Amino acid sequence: MITISIEPADNGVIKYIADDNINGGGEEHVSRVVYDLEDDPERISLVNFIQDLILDLGLETGTELDQHMLNVKTEWGIKYNPSVRETKERIKQLEAEIERLSVQLK
């Protein structure tokens, strides 16, 4: 059986995975992953932690072929004031998305 434990750490979280029957051989294996959540303004470590946890738990999140797919990502806060460069980049991303959707209408 696989057991997943999560413990708080000073700078993030520690995830332990214990498998008491690794590869069906009856041996025990314990892995530990430390996710440093400090000094991560883009929250990359947090996204990685959540994605890894979903994978470890074997949760079905859908695929790009499904109508609904869970996507773990970060976005701007509602009160965030982006720079001009950031705004232009976001506009380019949205225009590409509009183009992709427009092609589907043809």
PDB file of N, CA and C in Angstrom:
ATOM      1  N   MET A   1       0.835  -1.165   0.000  1.00  0.00           N
ATOM      2  CA  MET A   1       0.000   0.000   0.000  1.00  0.00           C
ATOM      3  C   MET A   1       0.889   1.242   0.000  1.00  0.00           C
ATOM      4  N   ILE A   2       0.441   2.253  -0.702  1.00  0.00           N
ATOM      5  CA  ILE A   2       1.176   3.512  -0.760  1.00  0.00           C
ATOM      6  C   ILE A   2       0.542   4.500   0.209  1.00  0.00           C
ATOM      7  N   THR A   3       1.400   5.149   1.001  1.00  0.00           N
ATOM      8  CA  THR A   3       0.946   6.158   1.953  1.00  0.00           C
ATOM      9  C   THR A   3       1.637   7.466   1.617  1.00  0.00           C
ATOM     10  N   ILE A   4       0.858   8.531   1.537  1.00  0.00           N
ATOM     11  CA  ILE A   4       1.399   9.862   1.253  1.00  0.00           C
ATOM     12  C   ILE A   4       1.179  10.727   2.482  1.00  0.00           C
ATOM     13  N   SER A   5       2.261  11.347   2.962  1.00  0.00           N
ATOM     14  CA  SER A   5       2.187  12.238   4.125  1.00  0.00           C
ATOM     15  C   SER A   5       2.773  13.586   3.732  1.00  0.00           C
ATOM     16  N   ILE A   6       2.180  14.623   4.263  1.00  0.00           N
ATOM     17  CA  ILE A   6       2.656  15.981   4.012  1.00  0.00           C
ATOM     18  C   ILE A   6       2.885  16.649   5.357  1.00  0.00           C
ATOM     19  N   GLU A   7       4.061  17.262   5.505  1.00  0.00           N
ATOM     20  CA  GLU A   7       4.391  17.962   6.745  1.00  0.00           C
ATOM     21  C   GLU A   7       4.829  19.379   6.419  1.00  0.00           C
ATOM     22  N   PRO A   8       4.455  20.334   7.257  1.00  0.00           N
ATOM     23  CA  PRO A   8       4.943  21.694   7.041  1.00  0.00           C
ATOM     24  C   PRO A   8       6.431  21.785   7.366  1.00  0.00           C
ATOM     25  N   ALA A   9       7.107  22.647   6.659  1.00  0.00           N
ATOM     26  CA  ALA A   9       8.522  22.931   6.919  1.00  0.00           C
ATOM     27  C   ALA A   9       8.669  24.442   7.092  1.00  0.00           C
ATOM     28  N   ASP A  10       9.825  24.871   7.549  1.00  0.00           N
ATOM     29  CA  ASP A  10      10.037  26.311   7.763  1.00  0.00           C
ATOM     30  C   ASP A  10       9.830  27.110   6.488  1.00  0.00           C
ATOM     31  N   ASN A  11      10.222  26.544   5.364  1.00  0.00           N
ATOM     32  CA  ASN A  11      10.181  27.288   4.112  1.00  0.00           C
ATOM     33  C   ASN A  11       9.256  26.658   3.065  1.00  0.00           C
ATOM     34  N   GLY A  12       8.404  25.710   3.470  1.00  0.00           N
ATOM     35  CA  GLY A  12       7.525  25.070   2.494  1.00  0.00           C
ATOM     36  C   GLY A  12       6.868  23.838   3.065  1.00  0.00           C
ATOM     37  N   VAL A  13       6.882  22.764   2.303  1.00  0.00           N
ATOM     38  CA  VAL A  13       6.295  21.503   2.752  1.00  0.00           C
ATOM     39  C   VAL A  13       7.208  20.347   2.369  1.00  0.00           C
ATOM     40  N   ILE A  14       7.070  19.255   3.120  1.00  0.00           N
ATOM     41  CA  ILE A  14       7.796  18.021   2.831  1.00  0.00           C
ATOM     42  C   ILE A  14       6.755  16.955   2.539  1.00  0.00           C
ATOM     43  N   LYS A  15       6.922  16.257   1.423  1.00  0.00           N
ATOM     44  CA  LYS A  15       6.008  15.184   1.043  1.00  0.00           C
ATOM     45  C   LYS A  15       6.751  13.858   1.145  1.00  0.00           C
ATOM     46  N   TYR A  16       6.180  12.944   1.921  1.00  0.00           N
ATOM     47  CA  TYR A  16       6.724  11.602   2.063  1.00  0.00           C
ATOM     48  C   TYR A  16       5.810  10.626   1.342  1.00  0.00           C
ATOM     49  N   ILE A  17       6.403   9.707   0.604  1.00  0.00           N
ATOM     50  CA  ILE A  17       5.645   8.629  -0.022  1.00  0.00           C
ATOM     51  C   ILE A  17       6.278   7.325   0.446  1.00  0.00           C
ATOM     52  N   ALA A  18       5.474   6.505   1.120  1.00  0.00           N
ATOM     53  CA  ALA A  18       5.945   5.208   1.615  1.00  0.00           C
ATOM     54  C   ALA A  18       5.185   4.116   0.876  1.00  0.00           C
ATOM     55  N   ASP A  19       5.922   3.214   0.273  1.00  0.00           N
ATOM     56  CA  ASP A  19       5.336   2.063  -0.425  1.00  0.00           C
ATOM     57  C   ASP A  19       5.854   0.818   0.279  1.00  0.00           C
ATOM     58  N   ASP A  20       4.943   0.060   0.893  1.00  0.00           N
ATOM     59  CA  ASP A  20       5.379  -1.111   1.656  1.00  0.00           C
ATOM     60  C   ASP A  20       5.455  -2.379   0.810  1.00  0.00           C
ATOM     61  N   ASN A  21       5.236  -2.238  -0.507  1.00  0.00           N
ATOM     62  CA  ASN A  21       5.312  -3.403  -1.391  1.00  0.00           C
ATOM     63  C   ASN A  21       5.802  -2.946  -2.768  1.00  0.00           C
ATOM     64  N   ILE A  22       6.972  -2.346  -2.781  1.00  0.00           N
ATOM     65  CA  ILE A  22       7.505  -1.781  -4.024  1.00  0.00           C
ATOM     66  C   ILE A  22       7.684  -2.868  -5.078  1.00  0.00           C
ATOM     67  N   ASN A  23       7.149  -2.621  -6.248  1.00  0.00           N
ATOM     68  CA  ASN A  23       7.229  -3.543  -7.389  1.00  0.00           C
ATOM     69  C   ASN A  23       6.740  -4.947  -7.058  1.00  0.00           C
ATOM     70  N   GLY A  24       5.854  -5.058  -6.073  1.00  0.00           N
ATOM     71  CA  GLY A  24       5.299  -6.366  -5.721  1.00  0.00           C
ATOM     72  C   GLY A  24       6.282  -7.278  -5.025  1.00  0.00           C
ATOM     73  N   GLY A  25       7.427  -6.753  -4.615  1.00  0.00           N
ATOM     74  CA  GLY A  25       8.456  -7.584  -3.998  1.00  0.00           C
ATOM     75  C   GLY A  25       8.414  -7.611  -2.486  1.00  0.00           C
ATOM     76  N   GLY A  26       7.478  -6.888  -1.884  1.00  0.00           N
ATOM     77  CA  GLY A  26       7.360  -6.899  -0.432  1.00  0.00           C
ATOM     78  C   GLY A  26       8.350  -6.006   0.290  1.00  0.00           C
ATOM     79  N   GLU A  27       9.188  -5.293  -0.451  1.00  0.00           N
ATOM     80  CA  GLU A  27      10.149  -4.398   0.186  1.00  0.00           C
ATOM     81  C   GLU A  27       9.527  -3.023   0.377  1.00  0.00           C
ATOM     82  N   GLU A  28      10.061  -2.298   1.342  1.00  0.00           N
ATOM     83  CA  GLU A  28       9.559  -0.961   1.627  1.00  0.00           C
ATOM     84  C   GLU A  28      10.465   0.087   0.991  1.00  0.00           C
ATOM     85  N   HIS A  29       9.832   1.115   0.461  1.00  0.00           N
ATOM     86  CA  HIS A  29      10.575   2.232  -0.127  1.00  0.00           C
ATOM     87  C   HIS A  29       9.919   3.522   0.352  1.00  0.00           C
ATOM     88  N   VAL A  30      10.737   4.454   0.814  1.00  0.00           N
ATOM     89  CA  VAL A  30      10.235   5.751   1.255  1.00  0.00           C
ATOM     90  C   VAL A  30      10.976   6.826   0.479  1.00  0.00           C
ATOM     91  N   SER A  31      10.211   7.729  -0.120  1.00  0.00           N
ATOM     92  CA  SER A  31      10.841   8.866  -0.799  1.00  0.00           C
ATOM     93  C   SER A  31      10.382  10.147  -0.118  1.00  0.00           C
ATOM     94  N   ARG A  32      11.233  11.135  -0.174  1.00  0.00           N
ATOM     95  CA  ARG A  32      10.938  12.424   0.450  1.00  0.00           C
ATOM     96  C   ARG A  32      11.257  13.512  -0.551  1.00  0.00           C
ATOM     97  N   VAL A  33      10.313  14.437  -0.719  1.00  0.00           N
ATOM     98  CA  VAL A  33      10.523  15.580  -1.604  1.00  0.00           C
ATOM     99  C   VAL A  33      10.231  16.837  -0.807  1.00  0.00           C
ATOM    100  N   VAL A  34      11.147  17.784  -0.851  1.00  0.00           N
ATOM    101  CA  VAL A  34      10.983  19.061  -0.166  1.00  0.00           C
ATOM    102  C   VAL A  34      10.625  20.104  -1.209  1.00  0.00           C
ATOM    103  N   TYR A  35       9.521  20.791  -0.986  1.00  0.00           N
ATOM    104  CA  TYR A  35       9.090  21.868  -1.868  1.00  0.00           C
ATOM    105  C   TYR A  35       9.333  23.182  -1.148  1.00  0.00           C
ATOM    106  N   ASP A  36      10.311  23.947  -1.635  1.00  0.00           N
ATOM    107  CA  ASP A  36      10.656  25.246  -1.055  1.00  0.00           C
ATOM    108  C   ASP A  36       9.696  26.276  -1.628  1.00  0.00           C
ATOM    109  N   LEU A  37       8.792  26.777  -0.791  1.00  0.00           N
ATOM    110  CA  LEU A  37       7.768  27.707  -1.254  1.00  0.00           C
ATOM    111  C   LEU A  37       8.126  29.165  -0.982  1.00  0.00           C
ATOM    112  N   GLU A  38       9.262  29.409  -0.345  1.00  0.00           N
ATOM    113  CA  GLU A  38       9.705  30.779  -0.114  1.00  0.00           C
ATOM    114  C   GLU A  38      10.483  31.283  -1.328  1.00  0.00           C
ATOM    115  N   ASP A  39      10.516  32.583  -1.473  1.00  0.00           N
ATOM    116  CA  ASP A  39      11.263  33.219  -2.566  1.00  0.00           C
ATOM    117  C   ASP A  39      10.886  32.624  -3.913  1.00  0.00           C
ATOM    118  N   ASP A  40       9.597  32.432  -4.121  1.00  0.00           N
ATOM    119  CA  ASP A  40       9.077  31.861  -5.369  1.00  0.00           C
ATOM    120  C   ASP A  40       7.879  32.707  -5.815  1.00  0.00           C
ATOM    121  N   PRO A  41       8.144  33.947  -6.289  1.00  0.00           N
ATOM    122  CA  PRO A  41       7.040  34.854  -6.611  1.00  0.00           C
ATOM    123  C   PRO A  41       6.111  34.331  -7.710  1.00  0.00           C
ATOM    124  N   GLU A  42       6.612  33.486  -8.591  1.00  0.00           N
ATOM    125  CA  GLU A  42       5.763  32.937  -9.654  1.00  0.00           C
ATOM    126  C   GLU A  42       5.052  31.672  -9.201  1.00  0.00           C
ATOM    127  N   ARG A  43       5.335  31.224  -7.981  1.00  0.00           N
ATOM    128  CA  ARG A  43       4.706  30.056  -7.357  1.00  0.00           C
ATOM    129  C   ARG A  43       4.905  28.762  -8.160  1.00  0.00           C
ATOM    130  N   ILE A  44       6.046  28.663  -8.804  1.00  0.00           N
ATOM    131  CA  ILE A  44       6.369  27.474  -9.596  1.00  0.00           C
ATOM    132  C   ILE A  44       6.454  26.239  -8.705  1.00  0.00           C
ATOM    133  N   SER A  45       7.080  26.371  -7.534  1.00  0.00           N
ATOM    134  CA  SER A  45       7.200  25.226  -6.623  1.00  0.00           C
ATOM    135  C   SER A  45       5.835  24.773  -6.119  1.00  0.00           C
ATOM    136  N   LEU A  46       4.935  25.710  -5.874  1.00  0.00           N
ATOM    137  CA  LEU A  46       3.594  25.361  -5.411  1.00  0.00           C
ATOM    138  C   LEU A  46       2.817  24.624  -6.500  1.00  0.00           C
ATOM    139  N   VAL A  47       2.905  25.096  -7.728  1.00  0.00           N
ATOM    140  CA  VAL A  47       2.253  24.413  -8.846  1.00  0.00           C
ATOM    141  C   VAL A  47       2.834  23.008  -9.005  1.00  0.00           C
ATOM    142  N   ASN A  48       4.155  22.884  -8.925  1.00  0.00           N
ATOM    143  CA  ASN A  48       4.794  21.562  -9.024  1.00  0.00           C
ATOM    144  C   ASN A  48       4.327  20.633  -7.911  1.00  0.00           C
ATOM    145  N   PHE A  49       4.209  21.167  -6.690  1.00  0.00           N
ATOM    146  CA  PHE A  49       3.740  20.361  -5.559  1.00  0.00           C
ATOM    147  C   PHE A  49       2.328  19.835  -5.821  1.00  0.00           C
ATOM    148  N   ILE A  50       1.438  20.697  -6.256  1.00  0.00           N
ATOM    149  CA  ILE A  50       0.051  20.284  -6.507  1.00  0.00           C
ATOM    150  C   ILE A  50      -0.007  19.278  -7.659  1.00  0.00           C
ATOM    151  N   GLN A  51       0.734  19.527  -8.737  1.00  0.00           N
ATOM    152  CA  GLN A  51       0.753  18.587  -9.862  1.00  0.00           C
ATOM    153  C   GLN A  51       1.314  17.231  -9.446  1.00  0.00           C
ATOM    154  N   ASP A  52       2.385  17.232  -8.663  1.00  0.00           N
ATOM    155  CA  ASP A  52       2.969  15.974  -8.181  1.00  0.00           C
ATOM    156  C   ASP A  52       2.001  15.230  -7.280  1.00  0.00           C
ATOM    157  N   LEU A  53       1.300  15.956  -6.421  1.00  0.00           N
ATOM    158  CA  LEU A  53       0.338  15.332  -5.518  1.00  0.00           C
ATOM    159  C   LEU A  53      -0.818  14.691  -6.300  1.00  0.00           C
ATOM    160  N   ILE A  54      -1.303  15.370  -7.317  1.00  0.00           N
ATOM    161  CA  ILE A  54      -2.351  14.809  -8.178  1.00  0.00           C
ATOM    162  C   ILE A  54      -1.858  13.519  -8.825  1.00  0.00           C
ATOM    163  N   LEU A  55      -0.642  13.540  -9.317  1.00  0.00           N
ATOM    164  CA  LEU A  55      -0.060  12.352  -9.945  1.00  0.00           C
ATOM    165  C   LEU A  55       0.129  11.222  -8.926  1.00  0.00           C
ATOM    166  N   ASP A  56       0.656  11.548  -7.760  1.00  0.00           N
ATOM    167  CA  ASP A  56       0.883  10.542  -6.715  1.00  0.00           C
ATOM    168  C   ASP A  56      -0.424   9.873  -6.282  1.00  0.00           C
ATOM    169  N   LEU A  57      -1.496  10.654  -6.219  1.00  0.00           N
ATOM    170  CA  LEU A  57      -2.791  10.126  -5.798  1.00  0.00           C
ATOM    171  C   LEU A  57      -3.516   9.395  -6.920  1.00  0.00           C
ATOM    172  N   GLY A  58      -3.006   9.524  -8.141  1.00  0.00           N
ATOM    173  CA  GLY A  58      -3.626   8.852  -9.278  1.00  0.00           C
ATOM    174  C   GLY A  58      -4.956   9.459  -9.673  1.00  0.00           C
ATOM    175  N   LEU A  59      -5.111  10.763  -9.450  1.00  0.00           N
ATOM    176  CA  LEU A  59      -6.363  11.425  -9.785  1.00  0.00           C
ATOM    177  C   LEU A  59      -6.466  11.654 -11.286  1.00  0.00           C
ATOM    178  N   GLU A  60      -7.654  11.467 -11.833  1.00  0.00           N
ATOM    179  CA  GLU A  60      -7.909  11.680 -13.259  1.00  0.00           C
ATOM    180  C   GLU A  60      -8.265  13.152 -13.453  1.00  0.00           C
ATOM    181  N   THR A  61      -7.445  13.859 -14.198  1.00  0.00           N
ATOM    182  CA  THR A  61      -7.665  15.291 -14.399  1.00  0.00           C
ATOM    183  C   THR A  61      -8.110  15.630 -15.808  1.00  0.00           C
ATOM    184  N   GLY A  62      -8.251  14.633 -16.662  1.00  0.00           N
ATOM    185  CA  GLY A  62      -8.646  14.880 -18.040  1.00  0.00           C
ATOM    186  C   GLY A  62      -7.435  15.077 -18.925  1.00  0.00           C
ATOM    187  N   THR A  63      -7.707  15.093 -20.229  1.00  0.00           N
ATOM    188  CA  THR A  63      -6.645  15.310 -21.213  1.00  0.00           C
ATOM    189  C   THR A  63      -7.049  16.442 -22.140  1.00  0.00           C
ATOM    190  N   GLU A  64      -6.167  16.793 -23.053  1.00  0.00           N
ATOM    191  CA  GLU A  64      -6.470  17.854 -24.009  1.00  0.00           C
ATOM    192  C   GLU A  64      -7.577  17.455 -24.980  1.00  0.00           C
ATOM    193  N   LEU A  65      -7.931  16.187 -24.999  1.00  0.00           N
ATOM    194  CA  LEU A  65      -9.022  15.721 -25.857  1.00  0.00           C
ATOM    195  C   LEU A  65     -10.380  15.781 -25.158  1.00  0.00           C
ATOM    196  N   ASP A  66     -10.382  15.977 -23.847  1.00  0.00           N
ATOM    197  CA  ASP A  66     -11.628  16.012 -23.080  1.00  0.00           C
ATOM    198  C   ASP A  66     -12.248  17.405 -23.110  1.00  0.00           C
ATOM    199  N   GLN A  67     -13.576  17.444 -22.889  1.00  0.00           N
ATOM    200  CA  GLN A  67     -14.261  18.728 -22.827  1.00  0.00           C
ATOM    201  C   GLN A  67     -13.815  19.524 -21.598  1.00  0.00           C
ATOM    202  N   HIS A  68     -13.576  18.826 -20.500  1.00  0.00           N
ATOM    203  CA  HIS A  68     -13.139  19.485 -19.268  1.00  0.00           C
ATOM    204  C   HIS A  68     -11.836  18.862 -18.788  1.00  0.00           C
ATOM    205  N   MET A  69     -10.850  19.709 -18.564  1.00  0.00           N
ATOM    206  CA  MET A  69      -9.542  19.259 -18.121  1.00  0.00           C
ATOM    207  C   MET A  69      -9.088  20.175 -16.993  1.00  0.00           C
ATOM    208  N   LEU A  70      -8.645  19.567 -15.908  1.00  0.00           N
ATOM    209  CA  LEU A  70      -8.109  20.353 -14.802  1.00  0.00           C
ATOM    210  C   LEU A  70      -6.718  20.839 -15.179  1.00  0.00           C
ATOM    211  N   ASN A  71      -6.491  22.140 -15.030  1.00  0.00           N
ATOM    212  CA  ASN A  71      -5.207  22.732 -15.372  1.00  0.00           C
ATOM    213  C   ASN A  71      -4.737  23.551 -14.178  1.00  0.00           C
ATOM    214  N   VAL A  72      -3.630  23.166 -13.571  1.00  0.00           N
ATOM    215  CA  VAL A  72      -3.094  23.887 -12.422  1.00  0.00           C
ATOM    216  C   VAL A  72      -2.114  24.927 -12.957  1.00  0.00           C
ATOM    217  N   LYS A  73      -2.450  26.185 -12.743  1.00  0.00           N
ATOM    218  CA  LYS A  73      -1.595  27.260 -13.241  1.00  0.00           C
ATOM    219  C   LYS A  73      -1.768  28.493 -12.369  1.00  0.00           C
ATOM    220  N   THR A  74      -0.960  29.479 -12.599  1.00  0.00           N
ATOM    221  CA  THR A  74      -1.077  30.741 -11.877  1.00  0.00           C
ATOM    222  C   THR A  74      -1.584  31.807 -12.842  1.00  0.00           C
ATOM    223  N   GLU A  75      -2.233  32.800 -12.275  1.00  0.00           N
ATOM    224  CA  GLU A  75      -2.726  33.943 -13.045  1.00  0.00           C
ATOM    225  C   GLU A  75      -2.487  35.209 -12.240  1.00  0.00           C
ATOM    226  N   TRP A  76      -2.683  36.338 -12.875  1.00  0.00           N
ATOM    227  CA  TRP A  76      -2.558  37.607 -12.180  1.00  0.00           C
ATOM    228  C   TRP A  76      -3.674  37.743 -11.153  1.00  0.00           C
ATOM    229  N   GLY A  77      -3.340  38.345 -10.029  1.00  0.00           N
ATOM    230  CA  GLY A  77      -4.362  38.687  -9.049  1.00  0.00           C
ATOM    231  C   GLY A  77      -5.266  39.778  -9.613  1.00  0.00           C
ATOM    232  N   ILE A  78      -6.499  39.827  -9.160  1.00  0.00           N
ATOM    233  CA  ILE A  78      -7.487  40.768  -9.700  1.00  0.00           C
ATOM    234  C   ILE A  78      -7.042  42.217  -9.516  1.00  0.00           C
ATOM    235  N   LYS A  79      -6.248  42.498  -8.495  1.00  0.00           N
ATOM    236  CA  LYS A  79      -5.797  43.867  -8.256  1.00  0.00           C
ATOM    237  C   LYS A  79      -4.351  44.098  -8.679  1.00  0.00           C
ATOM    238  N   TYR A  80      -3.749  43.101  -9.357  1.00  0.00           N
ATOM    239  CA  TYR A  80      -2.369  43.239  -9.811  1.00  0.00           C
ATOM    240  C   TYR A  80      -2.307  44.249 -10.950  1.00  0.00           C
ATOM    241  N   ASN A  81      -1.305  45.113 -10.932  1.00  0.00           N
ATOM    242  CA  ASN A  81      -1.125  46.120 -11.969  1.00  0.00           C
ATOM    243  C   ASN A  81       0.086  45.721 -12.813  1.00  0.00           C
ATOM    244  N   PRO A  82      -0.147  45.039 -13.960  1.00  0.00           N
ATOM    245  CA  PRO A  82       0.978  44.551 -14.775  1.00  0.00           C
ATOM    246  C   PRO A  82       1.713  45.693 -15.475  1.00  0.00           C
ATOM    247  N   SER A  83       2.966  45.404 -15.819  1.00  0.00           N
ATOM    248  CA  SER A  83       3.757  46.374 -16.575  1.00  0.00           C
ATOM    249  C   SER A  83       3.263  46.396 -18.019  1.00  0.00           C
ATOM    250  N   VAL A  84       3.723  47.366 -18.767  1.00  0.00           N
ATOM    251  CA  VAL A  84       3.348  47.468 -20.186  1.00  0.00           C
ATOM    252  C   VAL A  84       3.816  46.227 -20.942  1.00  0.00           C
ATOM    253  N   ARG A  85       5.032  45.776 -20.668  1.00  0.00           N
ATOM    254  CA  ARG A  85       5.564  44.584 -21.331  1.00  0.00           C
ATOM    255  C   ARG A  85       4.704  43.362 -21.023  1.00  0.00           C
ATOM    256  N   GLU A  86       4.345  43.189 -19.739  1.00  0.00           N
ATOM    257  CA  GLU A  86       3.509  42.063 -19.353  1.00  0.00           C
ATOM    258  C   GLU A  86       2.135  42.123 -20.040  1.00  0.00           C
ATOM    259  N   THR A  87       1.584  43.323 -20.117  1.00  0.00           N
ATOM    260  CA  THR A  87       0.276  43.494 -20.755  1.00  0.00           C
ATOM    261  C   THR A  87       0.345  43.157 -22.240  1.00  0.00           C
ATOM    262  N   LYS A  88       1.392  43.615 -22.915  1.00  0.00           N
ATOM    263  CA  LYS A  88       1.544  43.310 -24.346  1.00  0.00           C
ATOM    264  C   LYS A  88       1.700  41.807 -24.567  1.00  0.00           C
ATOM    265  N   GLU A  89       2.459  41.138 -23.704  1.00  0.00           N
ATOM    266  CA  GLU A  89       2.646  39.691 -23.829  1.00  0.00           C
ATOM    267  C   GLU A  89       1.326  38.957 -23.616  1.00  0.00           C
ATOM    268  N   ARG A  90       0.557  39.406 -22.644  1.00  0.00           N
ATOM    269  CA  ARG A  90      -0.748  38.770 -22.381  1.00  0.00           C
ATOM    270  C   ARG A  90      -1.699  38.983 -23.557  1.00  0.00           C
ATOM    271  N   ILE A  91      -1.677  40.160 -24.145  1.00  0.00           N
ATOM    272  CA  ILE A  91      -2.518  40.435 -25.320  1.00  0.00           C
ATOM    273  C   ILE A  91      -2.135  39.502 -26.465  1.00  0.00           C
ATOM    274  N   LYS A  92      -0.831  39.279 -26.679  1.00  0.00           N
ATOM    275  CA  LYS A  92      -0.380  38.356 -27.727  1.00  0.00           C
ATOM    276  C   LYS A  92      -0.900  36.943 -27.455  1.00  0.00           C
ATOM    277  N   GLN A  93      -0.848  36.508 -26.194  1.00  0.00           N
ATOM    278  CA  GLN A  93      -1.349  35.174 -25.841  1.00  0.00           C
ATOM    279  C   GLN A  93      -2.849  35.066 -26.108  1.00  0.00           C
ATOM    280  N   LEU A  94      -3.594  36.108 -25.739  1.00  0.00           N
ATOM    281  CA  LEU A  94      -5.042  36.091 -25.953  1.00  0.00           C
ATOM    282  C   LEU A  94      -5.395  36.136 -27.438  1.00  0.00           C
ATOM    283  N   GLU A  95      -4.637  36.903 -28.220  1.00  0.00           N
ATOM    284  CA  GLU A  95      -4.875  36.944 -29.662  1.00  0.00           C
ATOM    285  C   GLU A  95      -4.616  35.580 -30.297  1.00  0.00           C
ATOM    286  N   ALA A  96      -3.590  34.885 -29.828  1.00  0.00           N
ATOM    287  CA  ALA A  96      -3.307  33.541 -30.340  1.00  0.00           C
ATOM    288  C   ALA A  96      -4.440  32.591 -29.976  1.00  0.00           C
ATOM    289  N   GLU A  97      -4.990  32.721 -28.788  1.00  0.00           N
ATOM    290  CA  GLU A  97      -6.128  31.890 -28.364  1.00  0.00           C
ATOM    291  C   GLU A  97      -7.365  32.193 -29.207  1.00  0.00           C
ATOM    292  N   ILE A  98      -7.615  33.467 -29.476  1.00  0.00           N
ATOM    293  CA  ILE A  98      -8.750  33.850 -30.329  1.00  0.00           C
ATOM    294  C   ILE A  98      -8.571  33.273 -31.727  1.00  0.00           C
ATOM    295  N   GLU A  99      -7.358  33.334 -32.259  1.00  0.00           N
ATOM    296  CA  GLU A  99      -7.081  32.777 -33.596  1.00  0.00           C
ATOM    297  C   GLU A  99      -7.325  31.275 -33.604  1.00  0.00           C
ATOM    298  N   ARG A 100      -6.874  30.582 -32.569  1.00  0.00           N
ATOM    299  CA  ARG A 100      -7.075  29.134 -32.482  1.00  0.00           C
ATOM    300  C   ARG A 100      -8.561  28.790 -32.462  1.00  0.00           C
ATOM    301  N   LEU A 101      -9.329  29.541 -31.694  1.00  0.00           N
ATOM    302  CA  LEU A 101     -10.776  29.289 -31.611  1.00  0.00           C
ATOM    303  C   LEU A 101     -11.475  29.668 -32.919  1.00  0.00           C
ATOM    304  N   SER A 102     -11.034  30.739 -33.567  1.00  0.00           N
ATOM    305  CA  SER A 102     -11.643  31.165 -34.831  1.00  0.00           C
ATOM    306  C   SER A 102     -11.469  30.122 -35.922  1.00  0.00           C
ATOM    307  N   VAL A 103     -10.317  29.469 -35.944  1.00  0.00           N
ATOM    308  CA  VAL A 103     -10.059  28.405 -36.926  1.00  0.00           C
ATOM    309  C   VAL A 103     -11.050  27.258 -36.751  1.00  0.00           C
ATOM    310  N   GLN A 104     -11.443  26.992 -35.516  1.00  0.00           N
ATOM    311  CA  GLN A 104     -12.393  25.912 -35.250  1.00  0.00           C
ATOM    312  C   GLN A 104     -13.783  26.212 -35.789  1.00  0.00           C
ATOM    313  N   LEU A 105     -14.102  27.502 -35.978  1.00  0.00           N
ATOM    314  CA  LEU A 105     -15.419  27.884 -36.492  1.00  0.00           C
ATOM    315  C   LEU A 105     -15.534  27.684 -38.005  1.00  0.00           C
ATOM    316  N   LYS A 106     -14.420  27.583 -38.685  1.00  0.00           N
ATOM    317  CA  LYS A 106     -14.435  27.476 -40.143  1.00  0.00           C
ATOM    318  C   LYS A 106     -14.671  26.049 -40.587  1.00  0.00           C
TER     319      LYS A 106
END
